[in-house]
Amino acid sequence: MSLVSNLELKEFDSASLTGAYQNFGSTLSNPCYYAYLINDSDVDVYISKDGSTNNIRLPSGVQIPLTYYSRHNSLIQGSYLFSSGTQLSIKQVTAAGTGFITINLLTTS
């Protein structure tokens, strides 16, 4: 089994942000073990993996890599950041803005 089979890209226009969580693209078709978050907008946003919990606050102008590693710095087979079927969501911290928020996801088959 190949560890990497897909690169999924999800983009959201910050002008469409509201105070309620909105779907950030479609649900994940495969488990994800690496995500690269890019906030190329002028506002802070919250990212949620369940549509109600503020899991990540992504400040304006920040890029954050997320990887699921063990404490021994190796990828744990069968362990993922986000499981298959996860619907990522996004909402504003204070107001809508200008620019885009992007998530690049490496998923498995």
Protein backbone atom coordinates (compact mmCIF):
# COMPACT_ATOMS: atom_id res chain seq x y z
CA MET A 1 0.00 0.00 0.00
CA SER A 2 1.36 3.37 -0.99
CA LEU A 3 1.34 5.83 1.89
CA VAL A 4 0.62 8.82 -0.35
CA SER A 5 -2.06 8.44 -2.97
CA ASN A 6 -3.78 11.81 -3.13
CA LEU A 7 -3.12 15.48 -2.68
CA GLU A 8 -6.37 17.24 -1.81
CA LEU A 9 -6.64 21.02 -2.01
CA LYS A 10 -9.33 22.99 -0.21
CA GLU A 11 -9.73 26.76 -0.58
CA PHE A 12 -12.05 29.24 1.09
CA ASP A 13 -12.59 32.92 0.27
CA SER A 14 -12.38 34.90 3.53
CA ALA A 15 -15.00 37.37 2.22
CA SER A 16 -17.55 34.54 2.70
CA LEU A 17 -16.69 33.94 6.38
CA THR A 18 -19.39 34.22 9.04
CA GLY A 19 -19.58 33.59 12.78
CA ALA A 20 -21.00 30.09 12.15
CA TYR A 21 -18.96 27.14 10.92
CA GLN A 22 -19.20 26.48 7.17
CA ASN A 23 -17.95 23.45 5.26
CA PHE A 24 -14.37 23.79 4.08
CA GLY A 25 -14.72 21.86 0.83
CA SER A 26 -16.10 18.34 0.69
CA THR A 27 -15.57 15.51 3.18
CA LEU A 28 -12.27 13.67 3.05
CA SER A 29 -12.50 10.62 0.84
CA ASN A 30 -9.39 9.05 2.44
CA PRO A 31 -7.57 9.34 5.78
CA CYS A 32 -5.18 12.29 5.99
CA TYR A 33 -1.79 12.17 7.70
CA TYR A 34 -0.35 15.56 6.64
CA ALA A 35 -1.96 18.98 6.27
CA TYR A 36 -0.45 22.33 5.36
CA LEU A 37 -2.61 25.27 6.42
CA ILE A 38 -2.13 28.64 4.70
CA ASN A 39 -3.96 31.78 5.77
CA ASP A 40 -3.30 34.24 2.98
CA SER A 41 -6.06 36.56 4.19
CA ASP A 42 -6.16 39.61 6.43
CA VAL A 43 -8.22 37.94 9.22
CA ASP A 44 -7.78 35.16 11.80
CA VAL A 45 -9.94 32.05 11.35
CA TYR A 46 -10.92 28.95 13.30
CA ILE A 47 -10.68 25.49 11.74
CA SER A 48 -12.80 22.65 13.13
CA LYS A 49 -12.83 18.91 12.46
CA ASP A 50 -16.34 18.44 13.89
CA GLY A 51 -18.11 21.68 12.93
CA SER A 52 -18.50 22.93 16.50
CA THR A 53 -15.12 22.86 18.27
CA ASN A 54 -12.47 25.52 17.65
CA ASN A 55 -9.62 23.06 17.01
CA ILE A 56 -7.13 25.43 15.36
CA ARG A 57 -6.88 29.22 15.38
CA LEU A 58 -5.05 30.18 12.21
CA PRO A 59 -3.77 33.78 12.40
CA SER A 60 -3.68 36.03 9.36
CA GLY A 61 -0.60 35.58 7.19
CA VAL A 62 0.48 32.32 8.87
CA GLN A 63 1.37 28.93 7.38
CA ILE A 64 1.28 25.83 9.61
CA PRO A 65 2.32 22.26 8.71
CA LEU A 66 0.52 19.50 10.67
CA THR A 67 1.77 15.91 10.70
CA TYR A 68 0.77 12.94 12.81
CA TYR A 69 4.06 11.59 14.18
CA SER A 70 4.91 9.40 17.15
CA ARG A 71 7.11 10.68 19.94
CA HIS A 72 9.94 8.81 18.18
CA ASN A 73 9.53 11.04 15.10
CA SER A 74 8.18 8.33 12.83
CA LEU A 75 4.88 8.13 11.03
CA ILE A 76 2.52 5.76 12.83
CA GLN A 77 0.93 3.40 10.33
CA GLY A 78 -2.85 3.54 10.71
CA SER A 79 -2.89 6.79 12.70
CA TYR A 80 -4.07 9.97 11.03
CA LEU A 81 -4.72 13.66 11.60
CA PHE A 82 -8.18 13.32 10.07
CA SER A 83 -10.03 10.10 9.31
CA SER A 84 -11.91 9.31 6.12
CA GLY A 85 -15.25 11.12 6.05
CA THR A 86 -14.08 14.08 8.16
CA GLN A 87 -15.75 17.36 7.19
CA LEU A 88 -13.40 20.26 7.94
CA SER A 89 -15.14 23.54 8.74
CA ILE A 90 -14.09 27.17 8.97
CA LYS A 91 -15.41 30.35 10.60
CA GLN A 92 -14.27 33.89 11.29
CA VAL A 93 -12.75 34.94 14.61
CA THR A 94 -14.02 38.53 14.40
CA ALA A 95 -15.04 39.48 10.84
CA ALA A 96 -14.92 38.52 7.17
CA GLY A 97 -11.88 39.68 5.24
CA THR A 98 -10.05 39.60 1.94
CA GLY A 99 -7.82 36.82 0.67
CA PHE A 100 -7.96 33.03 0.79
CA ILE A 101 -7.42 30.26 3.31
CA THR A 102 -6.00 27.06 1.82
CA ILE A 103 -5.45 23.55 3.16
CA ASN A 104 -3.25 21.07 1.29
CA LEU A 105 -3.87 17.49 2.46
CA LEU A 106 -1.86 14.35 1.79
CA THR A 107 -4.13 11.34 2.07
CA THR A 108 -3.76 7.59 1.81
CA SER A 109 -5.72 5.03 -0.14
